[in-house]
Amino acid sequence: MLEGFLRAVVKVLVASLIVGTILTHFGITPEALMRGFGLSPDRLVELGRKGVGWLLPSITMGALVILPIWFLIFLFRPPGAHSSEE
């Protein structure tokens, strides 16, 4: 499973490099793209902080429910049972 994930990450990185090179060749820069969408670096930072401010409490609340359930399932599963057997 991890191998497939890493393969996908490498493909995305290579595709991003190719597209970025092509865009740079035509003179399209990150600053020009941001201006085209009406954004500034400060606005992107502000949006990122708001996103993290929303994300962290949601993840914490979810973990307060999910982790105890997972731990109980882990404790009470039969010996020798693996999560890949289904």
PDB file of N, CA and C in Angstrom:
ATOM      1  N   MET A   1       0.821  -1.184   0.000  1.00  0.00           N
ATOM      2  CA  MET A   1       0.000   0.000   0.000  1.00  0.00           C
ATOM      3  C   MET A   1       0.874   1.259   0.000  1.00  0.00           C
ATOM      4  N   LEU A   2       1.905   1.270   0.820  1.00  0.00           N
ATOM      5  CA  LEU A   2       2.790   2.432   0.878  1.00  0.00           C
ATOM      6  C   LEU A   2       3.518   2.613  -0.448  1.00  0.00           C
ATOM      7  N   GLU A   3       3.867   1.511  -1.090  1.00  0.00           N
ATOM      8  CA  GLU A   3       4.566   1.592  -2.374  1.00  0.00           C
ATOM      9  C   GLU A   3       3.696   2.281  -3.420  1.00  0.00           C
ATOM     10  N   GLY A   4       2.415   1.941  -3.454  1.00  0.00           N
ATOM     11  CA  GLY A   4       1.494   2.577  -4.396  1.00  0.00           C
ATOM     12  C   GLY A   4       1.341   4.065  -4.119  1.00  0.00           C
ATOM     13  N   PHE A   5       1.281   4.408  -2.837  1.00  0.00           N
ATOM     14  CA  PHE A   5       1.167   5.816  -2.458  1.00  0.00           C
ATOM     15  C   PHE A   5       2.413   6.585  -2.890  1.00  0.00           C
ATOM     16  N   LEU A   6       3.588   6.029  -2.622  1.00  0.00           N
ATOM     17  CA  LEU A   6       4.837   6.703  -3.005  1.00  0.00           C
ATOM     18  C   LEU A   6       4.945   6.844  -4.518  1.00  0.00           C
ATOM     19  N   ARG A   7       4.498   5.827  -5.240  1.00  0.00           N
ATOM     20  CA  ARG A   7       4.517   5.895  -6.708  1.00  0.00           C
ATOM     21  C   ARG A   7       3.620   7.038  -7.186  1.00  0.00           C
ATOM     22  N   ALA A   8       2.451   7.189  -6.570  1.00  0.00           N
ATOM     23  CA  ALA A   8       1.533   8.267  -6.943  1.00  0.00           C
ATOM     24  C   ALA A   8       2.141   9.630  -6.628  1.00  0.00           C
ATOM     25  N   VAL A   9       2.807   9.744  -5.479  1.00  0.00           N
ATOM     26  CA  VAL A   9       3.440  11.018  -5.109  1.00  0.00           C
ATOM     27  C   VAL A   9       4.524  11.388  -6.114  1.00  0.00           C
ATOM     28  N   VAL A  10       5.327  10.419  -6.515  1.00  0.00           N
ATOM     29  CA  VAL A  10       6.389  10.687  -7.490  1.00  0.00           C
ATOM     30  C   VAL A  10       5.784  11.123  -8.823  1.00  0.00           C
ATOM     31  N   LYS A  11       4.708  10.476  -9.254  1.00  0.00           N
ATOM     32  CA  LYS A  11       4.056  10.856 -10.511  1.00  0.00           C
ATOM     33  C   LYS A  11       3.539  12.281 -10.453  1.00  0.00           C
ATOM     34  N   VAL A  12       2.929  12.657  -9.327  1.00  0.00           N
ATOM     35  CA  VAL A  12       2.414  14.022  -9.178  1.00  0.00           C
ATOM     36  C   VAL A  12       3.567  15.024  -9.191  1.00  0.00           C
ATOM     37  N   LEU A  13       4.665  14.692  -8.511  1.00  0.00           N
ATOM     38  CA  LEU A  13       5.819  15.601  -8.499  1.00  0.00           C
ATOM     39  C   LEU A  13       6.414  15.780  -9.891  1.00  0.00           C
ATOM     40  N   VAL A  14       6.545  14.699 -10.634  1.00  0.00           N
ATOM     41  CA  VAL A  14       7.095  14.791 -11.998  1.00  0.00           C
ATOM     42  C   VAL A  14       6.161  15.585 -12.897  1.00  0.00           C
ATOM     43  N   ALA A  15       4.857  15.312 -12.824  1.00  0.00           N
ATOM     44  CA  ALA A  15       3.891  16.059 -13.636  1.00  0.00           C
ATOM     45  C   ALA A  15       3.925  17.544 -13.272  1.00  0.00           C
ATOM     46  N   SER A  16       4.027  17.853 -11.991  1.00  0.00           N
ATOM     47  CA  SER A  16       4.087  19.253 -11.553  1.00  0.00           C
ATOM     48  C   SER A  16       5.341  19.939 -12.074  1.00  0.00           C
ATOM     49  N   LEU A  17       6.451  19.229 -12.057  1.00  0.00           N
ATOM     50  CA  LEU A  17       7.700  19.784 -12.585  1.00  0.00           C
ATOM     51  C   LEU A  17       7.573  20.087 -14.077  1.00  0.00           C
ATOM     52  N   ILE A  18       6.986  19.172 -14.815  1.00  0.00           N
ATOM     53  CA  ILE A  18       6.829  19.374 -16.263  1.00  0.00           C
ATOM     54  C   ILE A  18       5.919  20.561 -16.546  1.00  0.00           C
ATOM     55  N   VAL A  19       4.766  20.612 -15.889  1.00  0.00           N
ATOM     56  CA  VAL A  19       3.829  21.710 -16.117  1.00  0.00           C
ATOM     57  C   VAL A  19       4.436  23.035 -15.675  1.00  0.00           C
ATOM     58  N   GLY A  20       5.123  23.048 -14.532  1.00  0.00           N
ATOM     59  CA  GLY A  20       5.772  24.267 -14.063  1.00  0.00           C
ATOM     60  C   GLY A  20       6.824  24.766 -15.038  1.00  0.00           C
ATOM     61  N   THR A  21       7.577  23.851 -15.622  1.00  0.00           N
ATOM     62  CA  THR A  21       8.594  24.232 -16.607  1.00  0.00           C
ATOM     63  C   THR A  21       7.951  24.839 -17.845  1.00  0.00           C
ATOM     64  N   ILE A  22       6.871  24.234 -18.302  1.00  0.00           N
ATOM     65  CA  ILE A  22       6.173  24.757 -19.485  1.00  0.00           C
ATOM     66  C   ILE A  22       5.602  26.142 -19.202  1.00  0.00           C
ATOM     67  N   LEU A  23       4.962  26.313 -18.026  1.00  0.00           N
ATOM     68  CA  LEU A  23       4.397  27.617 -17.692  1.00  0.00           C
ATOM     69  C   LEU A  23       5.486  28.679 -17.585  1.00  0.00           C
ATOM     70  N   THR A  24       6.615  28.342 -16.990  1.00  0.00           N
ATOM     71  CA  THR A  24       7.727  29.287 -16.874  1.00  0.00           C
ATOM     72  C   THR A  24       8.250  29.668 -18.249  1.00  0.00           C
ATOM     73  N   HIS A  25       8.284  28.711 -19.160  1.00  0.00           N
ATOM     74  CA  HIS A  25       8.745  28.983 -20.525  1.00  0.00           C
ATOM     75  C   HIS A  25       7.869  30.049 -21.190  1.00  0.00           C
ATOM     76  N   PHE A  26       6.570  30.034 -20.888  1.00  0.00           N
ATOM     77  CA  PHE A  26       5.659  31.016 -21.477  1.00  0.00           C
ATOM     78  C   PHE A  26       5.536  32.287 -20.633  1.00  0.00           C
ATOM     79  N   GLY A  27       6.361  32.416 -19.603  1.00  0.00           N
ATOM     80  CA  GLY A  27       6.393  33.633 -18.802  1.00  0.00           C
ATOM     81  C   GLY A  27       5.284  33.738 -17.761  1.00  0.00           C
ATOM     82  N   ILE A  28       4.652  32.623 -17.440  1.00  0.00           N
ATOM     83  CA  ILE A  28       3.597  32.634 -16.427  1.00  0.00           C
ATOM     84  C   ILE A  28       4.250  32.329 -15.082  1.00  0.00           C
ATOM     85  N   THR A  29       4.134  33.269 -14.160  1.00  0.00           N
ATOM     86  CA  THR A  29       4.762  33.124 -12.848  1.00  0.00           C
ATOM     87  C   THR A  29       3.696  32.928 -11.776  1.00  0.00           C
ATOM     88  N   PRO A  30       4.105  32.438 -10.597  1.00  0.00           N
ATOM     89  CA  PRO A  30       3.131  32.317  -9.505  1.00  0.00           C
ATOM     90  C   PRO A  30       2.497  33.665  -9.144  1.00  0.00           C
ATOM     91  N   GLU A  31       3.287  34.731  -9.201  1.00  0.00           N
ATOM     92  CA  GLU A  31       2.758  36.058  -8.877  1.00  0.00           C
ATOM     93  C   GLU A  31       1.683  36.465  -9.879  1.00  0.00           C
ATOM     94  N   ALA A  32       1.914  36.193 -11.164  1.00  0.00           N
ATOM     95  CA  ALA A  32       0.925  36.536 -12.191  1.00  0.00           C
ATOM     96  C   ALA A  32      -0.351  35.721 -12.005  1.00  0.00           C
ATOM     97  N   LEU A  33      -0.208  34.463 -11.662  1.00  0.00           N
ATOM     98  CA  LEU A  33      -1.393  33.633 -11.422  1.00  0.00           C
ATOM     99  C   LEU A  33      -2.182  34.146 -10.223  1.00  0.00           C
ATOM    100  N   MET A  34      -1.493  34.502  -9.148  1.00  0.00           N
ATOM    101  CA  MET A  34      -2.182  35.021  -7.968  1.00  0.00           C
ATOM    102  C   MET A  34      -2.904  36.327  -8.291  1.00  0.00           C
ATOM    103  N   ARG A  35      -2.251  37.226  -9.032  1.00  0.00           N
ATOM    104  CA  ARG A  35      -2.907  38.473  -9.432  1.00  0.00           C
ATOM    105  C   ARG A  35      -4.124  38.176 -10.294  1.00  0.00           C
ATOM    106  N   GLY A  36      -4.028  37.192 -11.172  1.00  0.00           N
ATOM    107  CA  GLY A  36      -5.149  36.828 -12.031  1.00  0.00           C
ATOM    108  C   GLY A  36      -6.356  36.347 -11.243  1.00  0.00           C
ATOM    109  N   PHE A  37      -6.116  35.713 -10.110  1.00  0.00           N
ATOM    110  CA  PHE A  37      -7.205  35.238  -9.252  1.00  0.00           C
ATOM    111  C   PHE A  37      -7.571  36.250  -8.174  1.00  0.00           C
ATOM    112  N   GLY A  38      -6.915  37.403  -8.187  1.00  0.00           N
ATOM    113  CA  GLY A  38      -7.224  38.443  -7.211  1.00  0.00           C
ATOM    114  C   GLY A  38      -6.685  38.140  -5.823  1.00  0.00           C
ATOM    115  N   LEU A  39      -5.581  37.425  -5.735  1.00  0.00           N
ATOM    116  CA  LEU A  39      -4.994  37.069  -4.451  1.00  0.00           C
ATOM    117  C   LEU A  39      -3.645  37.761  -4.280  1.00  0.00           C
ATOM    118  N   SER A  40      -3.234  37.872  -3.034  1.00  0.00           N
ATOM    119  CA  SER A  40      -1.904  38.365  -2.719  1.00  0.00           C
ATOM    120  C   SER A  40      -1.254  37.359  -1.772  1.00  0.00           C
ATOM    121  N   PRO A  41       0.055  37.402  -1.625  1.00  0.00           N
ATOM    122  CA  PRO A  41       0.704  36.482  -0.682  1.00  0.00           C
ATOM    123  C   PRO A  41       0.154  36.626   0.741  1.00  0.00           C
ATOM    124  N   ASP A  42      -0.137  37.860   1.148  1.00  0.00           N
ATOM    125  CA  ASP A  42      -0.694  38.071   2.493  1.00  0.00           C
ATOM    126  C   ASP A  42      -2.072  37.423   2.625  1.00  0.00           C
ATOM    127  N   ARG A  43      -2.880  37.541   1.593  1.00  0.00           N
ATOM    128  CA  ARG A  43      -4.218  36.941   1.610  1.00  0.00           C
ATOM    129  C   ARG A  43      -4.111  35.420   1.663  1.00  0.00           C
ATOM    130  N   LEU A  44      -3.159  34.835   0.933  1.00  0.00           N
ATOM    131  CA  LEU A  44      -2.974  33.379   0.976  1.00  0.00           C
ATOM    132  C   LEU A  44      -2.565  32.914   2.370  1.00  0.00           C
ATOM    133  N   VAL A  45      -1.696  33.674   3.019  1.00  0.00           N
ATOM    134  CA  VAL A  45      -1.291  33.332   4.382  1.00  0.00           C
ATOM    135  C   VAL A  45      -2.493  33.412   5.312  1.00  0.00           C
ATOM    136  N   GLU A  46      -3.307  34.459   5.151  1.00  0.00           N
ATOM    137  CA  GLU A  46      -4.503  34.614   5.981  1.00  0.00           C
ATOM    138  C   GLU A  46      -5.468  33.437   5.764  1.00  0.00           C
ATOM    139  N   LEU A  47      -5.685  33.060   4.519  1.00  0.00           N
ATOM    140  CA  LEU A  47      -6.558  31.918   4.225  1.00  0.00           C
ATOM    141  C   LEU A  47      -5.996  30.623   4.803  1.00  0.00           C
ATOM    142  N   GLY A  48      -4.683  30.465   4.733  1.00  0.00           N
ATOM    143  CA  GLY A  48      -4.050  29.277   5.313  1.00  0.00           C
ATOM    144  C   GLY A  48      -4.236  29.209   6.817  1.00  0.00           C
ATOM    145  N   ARG A  49      -4.079  30.334   7.480  1.00  0.00           N
ATOM    146  CA  ARG A  49      -4.269  30.374   8.939  1.00  0.00           C
ATOM    147  C   ARG A  49      -5.717  30.087   9.321  1.00  0.00           C
ATOM    148  N   LYS A  50      -6.657  30.629   8.558  1.00  0.00           N
ATOM    149  CA  LYS A  50      -8.071  30.348   8.825  1.00  0.00           C
ATOM    150  C   LYS A  50      -8.366  28.869   8.617  1.00  0.00           C
ATOM    151  N   GLY A  51      -7.764  28.289   7.580  1.00  0.00           N
ATOM    152  CA  GLY A  51      -7.969  26.866   7.317  1.00  0.00           C
ATOM    153  C   GLY A  51      -7.434  25.999   8.438  1.00  0.00           C
ATOM    154  N   VAL A  52      -6.251  26.316   8.905  1.00  0.00           N
ATOM    155  CA  VAL A  52      -5.664  25.560  10.017  1.00  0.00           C
ATOM    156  C   VAL A  52      -6.484  25.775  11.285  1.00  0.00           C
ATOM    157  N   GLY A  53      -6.969  27.003  11.489  1.00  0.00           N
ATOM    158  CA  GLY A  53      -7.798  27.301  12.647  1.00  0.00           C
ATOM    159  C   GLY A  53      -9.092  26.510  12.653  1.00  0.00           C
ATOM    160  N   TRP A  54      -9.613  26.208  11.487  1.00  0.00           N
ATOM    161  CA  TRP A  54     -10.818  25.383  11.389  1.00  0.00           C
ATOM    162  C   TRP A  54     -10.465  23.900  11.490  1.00  0.00           C
ATOM    163  N   LEU A  55      -9.349  23.506  10.898  1.00  0.00           N
ATOM    164  CA  LEU A  55      -8.977  22.102  10.785  1.00  0.00           C
ATOM    165  C   LEU A  55      -8.574  21.481  12.122  1.00  0.00           C
ATOM    166  N   LEU A  56      -7.751  22.141  12.896  1.00  0.00           N
ATOM    167  CA  LEU A  56      -7.236  21.552  14.131  1.00  0.00           C
ATOM    168  C   LEU A  56      -8.327  21.189  15.142  1.00  0.00           C
ATOM    169  N   PRO A  57      -9.285  22.065  15.426  1.00  0.00           N
ATOM    170  CA  PRO A  57     -10.343  21.650  16.359  1.00  0.00           C
ATOM    171  C   PRO A  57     -11.182  20.488  15.826  1.00  0.00           C
ATOM    172  N   SER A  58     -11.425  20.460  14.523  1.00  0.00           N
ATOM    173  CA  SER A  58     -12.208  19.373  13.940  1.00  0.00           C
ATOM    174  C   SER A  58     -11.472  18.043  14.052  1.00  0.00           C
ATOM    175  N   ILE A  59     -10.182  18.054  13.778  1.00  0.00           N
ATOM    176  CA  ILE A  59      -9.395  16.826  13.892  1.00  0.00           C
ATOM    177  C   ILE A  59      -9.337  16.374  15.349  1.00  0.00           C
ATOM    178  N   THR A  60      -9.165  17.309  16.266  1.00  0.00           N
ATOM    179  CA  THR A  60      -9.109  16.963  17.682  1.00  0.00           C
ATOM    180  C   THR A  60     -10.411  16.329  18.146  1.00  0.00           C
ATOM    181  N   MET A  61     -11.535  16.919  17.786  1.00  0.00           N
ATOM    182  CA  MET A  61     -12.830  16.367  18.179  1.00  0.00           C
ATOM    183  C   MET A  61     -13.032  14.977  17.585  1.00  0.00           C
ATOM    184  N   GLY A  62     -12.674  14.805  16.336  1.00  0.00           N
ATOM    185  CA  GLY A  62     -12.798  13.494  15.712  1.00  0.00           C
ATOM    186  C   GLY A  62     -11.908  12.458  16.377  1.00  0.00           C
ATOM    187  N   ALA A  63     -10.690  12.862  16.728  1.00  0.00           N
ATOM    188  CA  ALA A  63      -9.764  11.932  17.375  1.00  0.00           C
ATOM    189  C   ALA A  63     -10.255  11.517  18.751  1.00  0.00           C
ATOM    190  N   LEU A  64     -10.959  12.415  19.449  1.00  0.00           N
ATOM    191  CA  LEU A  64     -11.498  12.072  20.759  1.00  0.00           C
ATOM    192  C   LEU A  64     -12.534  10.952  20.675  1.00  0.00           C
ATOM    193  N   VAL A  65     -13.159  10.790  19.531  1.00  0.00           N
ATOM    194  CA  VAL A  65     -14.133   9.714  19.329  1.00  0.00           C
ATOM    195  C   VAL A  65     -13.467   8.494  18.700  1.00  0.00           C
ATOM    196  N   ILE A  66     -12.689   8.706  17.657  1.00  0.00           N
ATOM    197  CA  ILE A  66     -12.137   7.600  16.866  1.00  0.00           C
ATOM    198  C   ILE A  66     -11.066   6.823  17.610  1.00  0.00           C
ATOM    199  N   LEU A  67     -10.133   7.497  18.265  1.00  0.00           N
ATOM    200  CA  LEU A  67      -9.021   6.791  18.907  1.00  0.00           C
ATOM    201  C   LEU A  67      -9.465   5.803  19.989  1.00  0.00           C
ATOM    202  N   PRO A  68     -10.376   6.140  20.894  1.00  0.00           N
ATOM    203  CA  PRO A  68     -10.815   5.129  21.864  1.00  0.00           C
ATOM    204  C   PRO A  68     -11.512   3.935  21.204  1.00  0.00           C
ATOM    205  N   ILE A  69     -12.314   4.203  20.168  1.00  0.00           N
ATOM    206  CA  ILE A  69     -12.980   3.099  19.460  1.00  0.00           C
ATOM    207  C   ILE A  69     -11.941   2.201  18.810  1.00  0.00           C
ATOM    208  N   TRP A  70     -10.963   2.800  18.128  1.00  0.00           N
ATOM    209  CA  TRP A  70      -9.911   2.004  17.483  1.00  0.00           C
ATOM    210  C   TRP A  70      -9.151   1.195  18.526  1.00  0.00           C
ATOM    211  N   PHE A  71      -8.828   1.805  19.658  1.00  0.00           N
ATOM    212  CA  PHE A  71      -8.067   1.117  20.697  1.00  0.00           C
ATOM    213  C   PHE A  71      -8.841  -0.077  21.239  1.00  0.00           C
ATOM    214  N   LEU A  72     -10.138   0.075  21.470  1.00  0.00           N
ATOM    215  CA  LEU A  72     -10.957  -1.047  21.953  1.00  0.00           C
ATOM    216  C   LEU A  72     -11.023  -2.177  20.927  1.00  0.00           C
ATOM    217  N   ILE A  73     -11.187  -1.823  19.665  1.00  0.00           N
ATOM    218  CA  ILE A  73     -11.193  -2.848  18.609  1.00  0.00           C
ATOM    219  C   ILE A  73      -9.846  -3.553  18.563  1.00  0.00           C
ATOM    220  N   PHE A  74      -8.771  -2.789  18.675  1.00  0.00           N
ATOM    221  CA  PHE A  74      -7.424  -3.360  18.667  1.00  0.00           C
ATOM    222  C   PHE A  74      -7.230  -4.318  19.839  1.00  0.00           C
ATOM    223  N   LEU A  75      -7.713  -3.946  21.016  1.00  0.00           N
ATOM    224  CA  LEU A  75      -7.544  -4.787  22.206  1.00  0.00           C
ATOM    225  C   LEU A  75      -8.342  -6.084  22.132  1.00  0.00           C
ATOM    226  N   PHE A  76      -9.537  -6.034  21.593  1.00  0.00           N
ATOM    227  CA  PHE A  76     -10.433  -7.170  21.653  1.00  0.00           C
ATOM    228  C   PHE A  76     -10.515  -7.998  20.380  1.00  0.00           C
ATOM    229  N   ARG A  77      -9.677  -7.716  19.394  1.00  0.00           N
ATOM    230  CA  ARG A  77      -9.714  -8.567  18.200  1.00  0.00           C
ATOM    231  C   ARG A  77      -9.051  -9.903  18.527  1.00  0.00           C
ATOM    232  N   PRO A  78      -9.442 -10.947  17.821  1.00  0.00           N
ATOM    233  CA  PRO A  78      -8.888 -12.273  18.103  1.00  0.00           C
ATOM    234  C   PRO A  78      -7.376 -12.319  17.843  1.00  0.00           C
ATOM    235  N   PRO A  79      -6.657 -13.169  18.582  1.00  0.00           N
ATOM    236  CA  PRO A  79      -5.210 -13.285  18.359  1.00  0.00           C
ATOM    237  C   PRO A  79      -4.915 -13.734  16.928  1.00  0.00           C
ATOM    238  N   GLY A  80      -3.919 -13.139  16.343  1.00  0.00           N
ATOM    239  CA  GLY A  80      -3.503 -13.501  14.994  1.00  0.00           C
ATOM    240  C   GLY A  80      -4.320 -12.826  13.902  1.00  0.00           C
ATOM    241  N   ALA A  81      -5.358 -12.088  14.251  1.00  0.00           N
ATOM    242  CA  ALA A  81      -6.167 -11.391  13.241  1.00  0.00           C
ATOM    243  C   ALA A  81      -5.442 -10.139  12.793  1.00  0.00           C
ATOM    244  N   HIS A  82      -5.401  -9.952  11.487  1.00  0.00           N
ATOM    245  CA  HIS A  82      -4.762  -8.776  10.926  1.00  0.00           C
ATOM    246  C   HIS A  82      -5.804  -7.943  10.215  1.00  0.00           C
ATOM    247  N   SER A  83      -5.566  -6.640  10.151  1.00  0.00           N
ATOM    248  CA  SER A  83      -6.538  -5.749   9.515  1.00  0.00           C
ATOM    249  C   SER A  83      -6.621  -5.996   8.007  1.00  0.00           C
ATOM    250  N   SER A  84      -5.591  -6.621   7.397  1.00  0.00           N
ATOM    251  CA  SER A  84      -5.611  -6.858   5.955  1.00  0.00           C
ATOM    252  C   SER A  84      -6.471  -8.070   5.602  1.00  0.00           C
ATOM    253  N   GLU A  85      -6.871  -8.868   6.572  1.00  0.00           N
ATOM    254  CA  GLU A  85      -7.712 -10.040   6.299  1.00  0.00           C
ATOM    255  C   GLU A  85      -9.179  -9.639   6.340  1.00  0.00           C
ATOM    256  N   GLU A  86      -9.765  -9.516   5.195  1.00  0.00           N
ATOM    257  CA  GLU A  86     -11.199  -9.209   5.137  1.00  0.00           C
ATOM    258  C   GLU A  86     -11.794  -9.800   3.913  1.00  0.00           C
TER     259      GLU A  86
END
